[in-house]
N, C-alpha and C. Protein backbone atom coordinates (compact mmCIF):
# COMPACT_ATOMS: atom_id res chain seq x y z
N MET A 1 116.60 113.48 132.63
CA MET A 1 115.23 113.45 132.56
C MET A 1 114.41 114.13 132.99
N HIS A 2 113.54 114.67 131.98
CA HIS A 2 113.17 115.67 132.48
C HIS A 2 111.43 115.21 133.12
N ALA A 3 110.64 115.26 134.32
CA ALA A 3 110.02 114.90 134.47
C ALA A 3 108.44 114.65 133.37
N LEU A 4 108.18 116.25 132.55
CA LEU A 4 107.12 116.61 131.78
C LEU A 4 107.35 115.22 130.57
N THR A 5 108.38 114.72 129.90
CA THR A 5 108.58 114.14 128.83
C THR A 5 108.68 112.64 129.67
N MET A 6 109.34 111.93 131.35
CA MET A 6 108.48 110.88 131.44
C MET A 6 106.95 110.85 131.63
N ALA A 7 106.25 112.13 132.10
CA ALA A 7 104.85 111.40 131.91
C ALA A 7 104.55 111.38 130.77
N ALA A 8 104.91 112.24 129.84
CA ALA A 8 104.69 111.81 128.31
C ALA A 8 104.41 110.68 128.20
N TYR A 9 105.49 109.72 128.19
CA TYR A 9 106.06 108.52 128.17
C TYR A 9 105.16 107.53 128.80
N VAL A 10 104.41 107.55 130.20
CA VAL A 10 104.42 106.73 130.56
C VAL A 10 102.87 106.78 130.43
N SER A 11 102.19 108.48 130.43
CA SER A 11 100.81 108.64 129.98
C SER A 11 100.58 107.51 128.48
N ALA A 12 101.78 107.66 127.74
CA ALA A 12 100.96 107.11 126.27
C ALA A 12 101.50 105.60 126.32
N ALA A 13 101.98 105.13 127.42
CA ALA A 13 102.31 103.72 127.65
C ALA A 13 101.21 102.97 128.41
N PHE A 14 100.66 103.80 129.34
CA PHE A 14 99.36 103.52 129.94
C PHE A 14 97.63 103.33 129.22
N VAL A 15 98.07 104.38 127.96
CA VAL A 15 97.56 103.99 126.83
C VAL A 15 96.94 103.04 126.47
N LEU A 16 98.47 102.44 126.07
CA LEU A 16 98.41 101.39 125.11
C LEU A 16 97.83 100.23 125.84
N PHE A 17 98.44 99.92 127.13
CA PHE A 17 98.70 99.43 127.97
C PHE A 17 96.49 98.91 128.06
N ALA A 18 96.31 99.79 128.56
CA ALA A 18 94.88 99.84 128.95
C ALA A 18 93.60 99.58 127.20
N LYS A 19 94.27 100.03 126.31
CA LYS A 19 93.77 99.23 124.50
C LYS A 19 94.43 97.76 124.71
N LEU A 20 95.13 96.94 125.04
CA LEU A 20 95.55 95.64 125.06
C LEU A 20 94.52 95.32 126.03
N VAL A 21 93.82 95.62 127.32
CA VAL A 21 93.21 95.09 128.28
C VAL A 21 91.57 94.74 127.77
N PHE A 22 91.20 96.20 127.07
CA PHE A 22 90.05 96.25 126.13
C PHE A 22 90.09 95.35 125.64
N VAL A 23 91.00 95.17 124.57
CA VAL A 23 90.75 94.06 123.11
C VAL A 23 90.70 92.49 123.69
N VAL A 24 91.37 92.25 125.26
CA VAL A 24 91.54 91.11 124.95
C VAL A 24 90.24 90.71 126.18
N SER A 25 90.08 91.73 126.76
CA SER A 25 88.46 91.42 127.45
C SER A 25 87.28 91.20 126.11
N LEU A 26 87.87 91.99 125.47
CA LEU A 26 86.56 91.83 123.97
C LEU A 26 86.06 90.33 123.67
N GLN A 27 87.71 89.81 123.43
CA GLN A 27 88.07 88.37 122.89
C GLN A 27 87.30 87.88 123.98
N GLY A 28 87.67 87.89 125.55
CA GLY A 28 87.19 86.55 126.12
C GLY A 28 85.68 86.85 126.81
N ALA A 29 84.71 88.13 126.57
CA ALA A 29 83.65 88.07 126.59
C ALA A 29 82.55 87.36 125.39
N ASN A 30 83.32 87.51 124.22
CA ASN A 30 82.39 87.22 122.87
C ASN A 30 82.80 85.69 123.14
N ARG A 31 84.12 85.14 123.72
CA ARG A 31 84.11 83.14 123.98
C ARG A 31 83.49 83.02 124.75
N LEU A 32 83.53 83.59 125.60
CA LEU A 32 82.48 83.42 126.94
C LEU A 32 80.88 83.46 126.41
N ARG A 33 80.23 84.38 125.84
CA ARG A 33 79.36 84.51 125.31
C ARG A 33 78.56 83.41 124.17
N THR A 34 79.56 83.20 123.50
CA THR A 34 78.90 81.99 122.22
C THR A 34 79.69 80.74 122.95
N GLY A 35 80.24 80.93 123.48
CA GLY A 35 80.94 79.32 124.31
C GLY A 35 81.57 78.74 123.29
N LYS A 36 82.47 79.52 121.98
CA LYS A 36 83.15 78.47 121.23
C LYS A 36 84.17 79.24 121.53
N PHE A 37 85.20 78.23 121.14
CA PHE A 37 86.56 78.24 121.47
C PHE A 37 87.39 77.32 120.47
N GLN A 38 88.84 77.86 120.21
CA GLN A 38 89.79 77.61 119.36
C GLN A 38 90.31 76.30 120.18
N TYR A 39 90.81 76.09 121.08
CA TYR A 39 91.18 75.33 121.63
C TYR A 39 90.32 74.62 122.75
N ALA A 40 90.90 73.01 122.03
CA ALA A 40 90.16 72.05 123.42
C ALA A 40 89.69 72.18 124.83
N GLU A 41 91.44 72.37 125.40
CA GLU A 41 91.02 72.78 126.81
C GLU A 41 90.25 74.38 127.66
N ASP A 42 90.02 75.28 126.03
CA ASP A 42 89.75 76.29 126.81
C ASP A 42 88.28 76.25 126.84
N ALA A 43 87.91 74.59 125.80
CA ALA A 43 86.26 74.53 125.39
C ALA A 43 86.08 73.92 126.39
N ALA A 44 86.70 72.84 126.82
CA ALA A 44 86.65 72.07 127.80
C ALA A 44 86.33 72.28 129.41
N HIS A 45 87.24 73.78 129.62
CA HIS A 45 87.20 73.99 130.99
C HIS A 45 85.99 74.80 131.36
N TRP A 46 85.67 75.50 130.12
CA TRP A 46 84.30 76.82 130.00
C TRP A 46 83.31 75.80 129.45
N ASN A 47 83.03 74.49 129.33
CA ASN A 47 81.86 73.86 129.31
C ASN A 47 81.24 74.41 127.62
N GLY A 48 82.19 74.49 126.46
CA GLY A 48 81.99 74.82 125.34
C GLY A 48 82.32 74.03 124.18
N GLU A 49 82.36 74.52 122.97
CA GLU A 49 82.54 74.01 121.84
C GLU A 49 83.75 74.43 121.40
N GLN A 50 84.07 73.33 120.92
CA GLN A 50 86.00 74.14 120.29
C GLN A 50 85.34 73.86 118.48
N VAL A 51 86.01 74.93 118.40
CA VAL A 51 85.81 75.24 116.80
C VAL A 51 86.96 75.93 116.01
N ALA A 52 86.85 75.47 114.54
CA ALA A 52 88.58 75.46 113.69
C ALA A 52 88.45 77.27 113.67
N ASP A 53 87.04 77.78 113.53
CA ASP A 53 87.03 78.75 112.73
C ASP A 53 86.48 79.88 113.60
N GLU A 54 87.23 81.28 114.59
CA GLU A 54 86.30 81.68 115.64
C GLU A 54 85.64 82.42 115.14
N SER A 55 84.73 83.28 115.59
CA SER A 55 84.11 84.56 114.89
C SER A 55 84.93 85.72 114.92
N ASP A 56 84.59 86.51 113.58
CA ASP A 56 85.02 88.20 113.61
C ASP A 56 85.63 88.76 114.55
N LEU A 57 84.99 88.96 115.69
CA LEU A 57 84.55 89.16 117.25
C LEU A 57 85.71 88.95 117.73
N VAL A 58 86.30 87.72 117.73
CA VAL A 58 87.87 87.15 118.03
C VAL A 58 88.60 86.84 117.33
N VAL A 59 88.96 87.38 115.89
CA VAL A 59 89.68 87.08 114.77
C VAL A 59 90.18 88.73 114.52
N ARG A 60 89.36 89.72 114.56
CA ARG A 60 89.91 90.74 114.58
C ARG A 60 90.73 91.53 115.23
N PRO A 61 90.33 90.93 117.04
CA PRO A 61 90.74 91.85 117.90
C PRO A 61 92.19 90.85 118.05
N GLN A 62 92.44 89.95 117.39
CA GLN A 62 93.47 89.01 117.43
C GLN A 62 94.72 89.47 116.48
N ARG A 63 94.33 89.56 115.64
CA ARG A 63 94.80 90.80 114.28
C ARG A 63 95.17 92.04 114.80
N ALA A 64 94.48 92.99 115.25
CA ALA A 64 95.20 93.98 116.03
C ALA A 64 95.94 94.11 117.03
N LEU A 65 95.99 93.08 117.95
CA LEU A 65 96.89 92.93 118.91
C LEU A 65 98.21 92.01 118.17
N ARG A 66 98.35 91.04 117.25
CA ARG A 66 99.43 91.00 117.00
C ARG A 66 100.26 92.49 115.71
N ASN A 67 99.20 92.72 115.35
CA ASN A 67 99.98 93.95 114.67
C ASN A 67 100.69 95.10 115.95
N ASP A 68 99.99 95.22 116.65
CA ASP A 68 100.37 95.83 117.95
C ASP A 68 102.30 95.18 118.33
N GLY A 69 101.81 93.90 118.49
CA GLY A 69 103.21 93.33 118.79
C GLY A 69 104.41 93.63 118.09
N GLU A 70 103.81 94.23 116.50
CA GLU A 70 104.70 94.02 116.03
C GLU A 70 105.61 95.48 116.04
N GLY A 71 104.98 96.26 116.35
CA GLY A 71 105.08 97.98 116.23
C GLY A 71 105.81 98.43 117.52
N GLN A 72 104.95 98.16 118.50
CA GLN A 72 104.64 98.56 120.06
C GLN A 72 105.85 98.10 120.61
N PRO A 73 106.59 97.29 120.80
CA PRO A 73 107.93 97.05 121.41
C PRO A 73 108.60 98.11 121.07
N TYR A 74 109.11 98.50 119.55
CA TYR A 74 110.06 99.67 119.21
C TYR A 74 109.48 100.92 119.39
N PHE A 75 108.45 101.38 119.63
CA PHE A 75 108.01 102.67 119.98
C PHE A 75 108.43 102.25 121.77
N LEU A 76 108.01 101.26 122.27
CA LEU A 76 108.36 101.60 124.24
C LEU A 76 109.98 101.74 124.35
N VAL A 77 110.88 100.96 123.15
CA VAL A 77 112.48 100.67 123.51
C VAL A 77 112.56 102.32 122.81
N PHE A 78 112.15 102.71 121.73
CA PHE A 78 112.72 104.34 121.25
C PHE A 78 112.05 105.36 122.12
N GLY A 79 110.80 105.24 122.77
CA GLY A 79 110.43 106.52 123.64
C GLY A 79 111.30 105.87 125.01
N ALA A 80 111.60 104.97 125.71
CA ALA A 80 112.81 105.11 127.03
C ALA A 80 114.02 105.41 126.62
N VAL A 81 114.25 105.74 125.40
CA VAL A 81 115.96 106.01 124.93
C VAL A 81 115.53 107.42 124.72
N TYR A 82 114.41 107.89 123.93
CA TYR A 82 113.99 109.45 124.31
C TYR A 82 113.69 110.05 125.24
N VAL A 83 113.10 109.21 126.37
CA VAL A 83 113.30 109.93 127.48
C VAL A 83 114.72 109.90 128.34
N ALA A 84 115.54 108.83 128.15
CA ALA A 84 116.69 108.70 128.46
C ALA A 84 117.55 109.68 128.35
N LEU A 85 117.87 109.74 126.83
CA LEU A 85 118.32 111.04 126.34
C LEU A 85 118.30 112.72 126.82
N GLY A 86 117.28 112.65 127.41
CA GLY A 86 116.88 114.31 127.82
C GLY A 86 115.82 114.91 127.04
N ALA A 87 114.90 114.46 126.28
CA ALA A 87 114.27 114.63 125.16
C ALA A 87 113.45 115.82 126.23
N THR A 88 113.02 116.61 124.63
CA THR A 88 112.43 118.18 125.29
C THR A 88 110.91 117.67 125.72
N PRO A 89 110.92 118.18 126.51
CA PRO A 89 109.25 117.80 126.79
C PRO A 89 108.01 117.92 125.29
N TRP A 90 108.14 119.35 124.94
CA TRP A 90 107.12 119.77 123.95
C TRP A 90 107.16 118.57 122.63
N ALA A 91 108.48 118.00 122.49
CA ALA A 91 108.50 116.75 121.74
C ALA A 91 107.87 115.60 122.28
N ALA A 92 108.38 115.48 122.90
CA ALA A 92 107.65 114.11 124.15
C ALA A 92 106.12 113.92 124.05
N TRP A 93 105.79 115.30 124.33
CA TRP A 93 104.03 115.58 124.13
C TRP A 93 103.38 115.31 122.72
N LEU A 94 104.33 115.79 121.68
CA LEU A 94 103.96 115.22 120.24
C LEU A 94 103.93 113.70 119.83
N TYR A 95 105.54 113.48 120.06
CA TYR A 95 105.26 111.86 119.47
C TYR A 95 104.26 111.17 120.12
N PHE A 96 104.47 110.98 121.67
CA PHE A 96 103.80 110.10 122.87
C PHE A 96 102.30 109.85 122.77
N PRO A 97 102.08 111.15 122.87
CA PRO A 97 100.02 110.97 122.81
C PRO A 97 99.66 110.55 121.41
N ALA A 98 100.39 111.13 119.86
CA ALA A 98 100.11 110.75 118.69
C ALA A 98 100.37 109.67 118.69
N TYR A 99 101.57 108.68 118.83
CA TYR A 99 101.81 106.96 118.87
C TYR A 99 100.38 106.60 119.25
N ALA A 100 100.50 107.08 120.44
CA ALA A 100 99.03 105.92 121.26
C ALA A 100 98.04 106.26 120.39
N LEU A 101 97.81 107.26 120.10
CA LEU A 101 96.20 107.33 119.20
C LEU A 101 96.37 107.11 117.98
N THR A 102 96.97 107.20 117.56
CA THR A 102 97.19 106.15 116.12
C THR A 102 96.54 105.17 116.20
N ARG A 103 97.57 104.40 117.30
CA ARG A 103 97.33 103.22 117.58
C ARG A 103 96.00 102.31 117.74
N ALA A 104 95.20 103.39 118.70
CA ALA A 104 93.98 102.96 119.18
C ALA A 104 93.05 103.47 118.42
N LEU A 105 93.42 104.13 117.14
CA LEU A 105 92.77 104.40 116.15
C LEU A 105 92.97 103.16 115.18
N HIS A 106 94.12 102.85 114.80
CA HIS A 106 94.45 101.74 114.36
C HIS A 106 93.17 100.61 114.31
N THR A 107 93.20 100.08 115.90
CA THR A 107 92.18 99.09 116.64
C THR A 107 90.79 99.42 116.28
N TRP A 108 90.43 100.66 116.08
CA TRP A 108 89.17 100.72 116.29
C TRP A 108 88.68 100.64 115.22
N PHE A 109 89.89 100.75 114.06
CA PHE A 109 89.35 100.85 112.35
C PHE A 109 89.29 99.36 112.32
N MET A 110 90.11 98.90 112.94
CA MET A 110 90.39 96.96 112.67
C MET A 110 89.18 96.28 113.24
N LEU A 111 88.47 97.15 114.25
CA LEU A 111 87.55 96.03 115.19
C LEU A 111 86.22 96.44 114.03
N ARG A 112 86.67 97.48 113.60
CA ARG A 112 84.90 98.24 112.43
C ARG A 112 85.17 97.87 111.71
N ALA A 113 85.93 96.95 111.03
CA ALA A 113 86.01 96.73 109.36
C ALA A 113 86.06 98.52 108.39
N GLN A 114 86.53 99.28 109.21
CA GLN A 114 86.73 100.37 107.86
C GLN A 114 88.32 100.62 107.26
N GLN A 115 88.42 101.07 106.11
CA GLN A 115 89.11 100.82 105.73
C GLN A 115 88.48 101.99 104.53
N PRO A 116 89.46 103.21 104.11
CA PRO A 116 90.78 103.71 104.34
C PRO A 116 91.57 104.05 105.50
N HIS A 117 90.84 103.86 106.77
CA HIS A 117 91.10 104.48 108.03
C HIS A 117 92.07 103.77 108.48
N ARG A 118 91.96 102.32 108.70
CA ARG A 118 92.66 101.55 109.24
C ARG A 118 94.27 101.66 108.90
N ASN A 119 94.52 101.86 107.46
CA ASN A 119 95.96 101.87 107.11
C ASN A 119 96.46 103.10 107.07
N ARG A 120 95.08 104.30 107.24
CA ARG A 120 95.88 105.68 107.46
C ARG A 120 96.29 105.99 108.36
N ALA A 121 95.71 105.33 109.76
CA ALA A 121 95.97 105.46 111.04
C ALA A 121 97.14 104.55 111.47
N PHE A 122 97.65 103.50 110.60
CA PHE A 122 98.78 102.78 110.29
C PHE A 122 99.90 103.31 110.11
N GLY A 123 99.65 104.03 109.22
CA GLY A 123 100.32 104.80 108.42
C GLY A 123 101.31 105.96 109.03
N ALA A 124 100.37 106.59 109.54
CA ALA A 124 100.88 107.61 110.31
C ALA A 124 101.55 107.42 111.75
N GLY A 125 100.79 106.24 112.69
CA GLY A 125 101.42 105.95 113.29
C GLY A 125 103.18 105.30 112.93
N LEU A 126 103.07 104.62 111.49
CA LEU A 126 104.68 103.83 111.68
C LEU A 126 105.51 105.54 111.06
N PHE A 127 105.22 106.22 111.00
CA PHE A 127 105.67 107.57 110.56
C PHE A 127 105.76 108.18 111.52
N ILE A 128 104.99 108.37 112.71
CA ILE A 128 105.70 109.29 114.40
C ILE A 128 106.69 108.27 114.54
N LEU A 129 106.73 106.94 114.68
CA LEU A 129 107.78 106.19 114.82
C LEU A 129 109.07 105.82 114.31
N ALA A 130 109.11 106.09 113.08
CA ALA A 130 110.15 106.60 112.01
C ALA A 130 110.62 107.63 112.98
N ALA A 131 110.35 108.55 112.81
CA ALA A 131 110.41 109.99 112.76
C ALA A 131 111.29 109.81 114.44
N LEU A 132 110.38 109.48 116.01
CA LEU A 132 111.12 109.20 116.77
C LEU A 132 112.44 108.43 116.78
N ALA A 133 112.30 107.07 115.88
CA ALA A 133 113.48 106.58 115.70
C ALA A 133 114.46 107.58 115.40
N VAL A 134 114.71 108.12 114.45
CA VAL A 134 115.61 109.35 113.43
C VAL A 134 116.02 109.81 114.77
N HIS A 135 114.71 110.97 115.14
CA HIS A 135 115.20 111.58 116.38
C HIS A 135 116.34 110.73 117.22
N CYS A 136 115.86 109.78 118.21
CA CYS A 136 116.98 109.22 118.87
C CYS A 136 118.46 109.15 118.28
N VAL A 137 118.58 108.04 117.36
CA VAL A 137 119.94 108.09 116.34
C VAL A 137 120.68 109.41 116.17
N VAL A 138 119.80 110.80 115.72
CA VAL A 138 120.28 111.74 115.73
C VAL A 138 121.12 112.12 117.07
N THR A 139 120.39 112.49 117.74
CA THR A 139 120.28 112.94 119.57
C THR A 139 121.80 112.27 120.16
N ALA A 140 121.66 110.88 120.32
CA ALA A 140 122.45 110.08 120.48
C ALA A 140 123.92 110.38 119.35
N LEU A 141 123.80 110.61 118.31
CA LEU A 141 125.16 110.72 118.04
C LEU A 141 125.70 112.07 117.98
N SER A 142 124.51 112.83 118.29
CA SER A 142 125.25 114.29 118.26
C SER A 142 125.94 114.28 120.26
N ARG A 143 125.49 113.46 120.55
CA ARG A 143 125.94 113.19 122.21
C ARG A 143 127.20 112.53 122.13
N LEU A 144 127.17 111.64 121.02
CA LEU A 144 128.25 110.89 121.36
C LEU A 144 130.20 111.85 120.61
N ARG A 145 129.54 112.62 119.60
CA ARG A 145 130.34 113.57 119.24
C ARG A 145 130.51 115.02 120.31
N GLY A 146 129.75 115.11 121.03
CA GLY A 146 129.77 116.22 121.99
C GLY A 146 129.61 117.82 121.49
N THR A 147 127.87 117.38 121.13
CA THR A 147 127.64 118.62 120.51
C THR A 147 126.31 119.08 121.16
């Protein structure tokens, strides 16, 4: 493992984590500010009102989090595999920050309801993830062959 490769991976993971904290905080702040909660126990605990449909300021962040939950585990796995395979630092500094940036942009555009930018950010992130996955598979297979 190269230290610069590990630094790129950890930096990207930290950005994704910071984005999670931001989005969750945005949801919580909106719920507390409005006093409207989807679940009865939350409404009771925070002296609020239970509602069937939450505001767009809660729903959109939730959708962004759900989307992150579908793709980011693959990034974390393939990123860790890439680091473990001894990836070159320059490629890691292309893949990892670029992926984190596309995910941050996707969330930003989701929160602000901006198409086609949201779709483009998603597509770019998916492309980077696919390239990373292929790079991992090719590298692993070449190691098996001893080349």
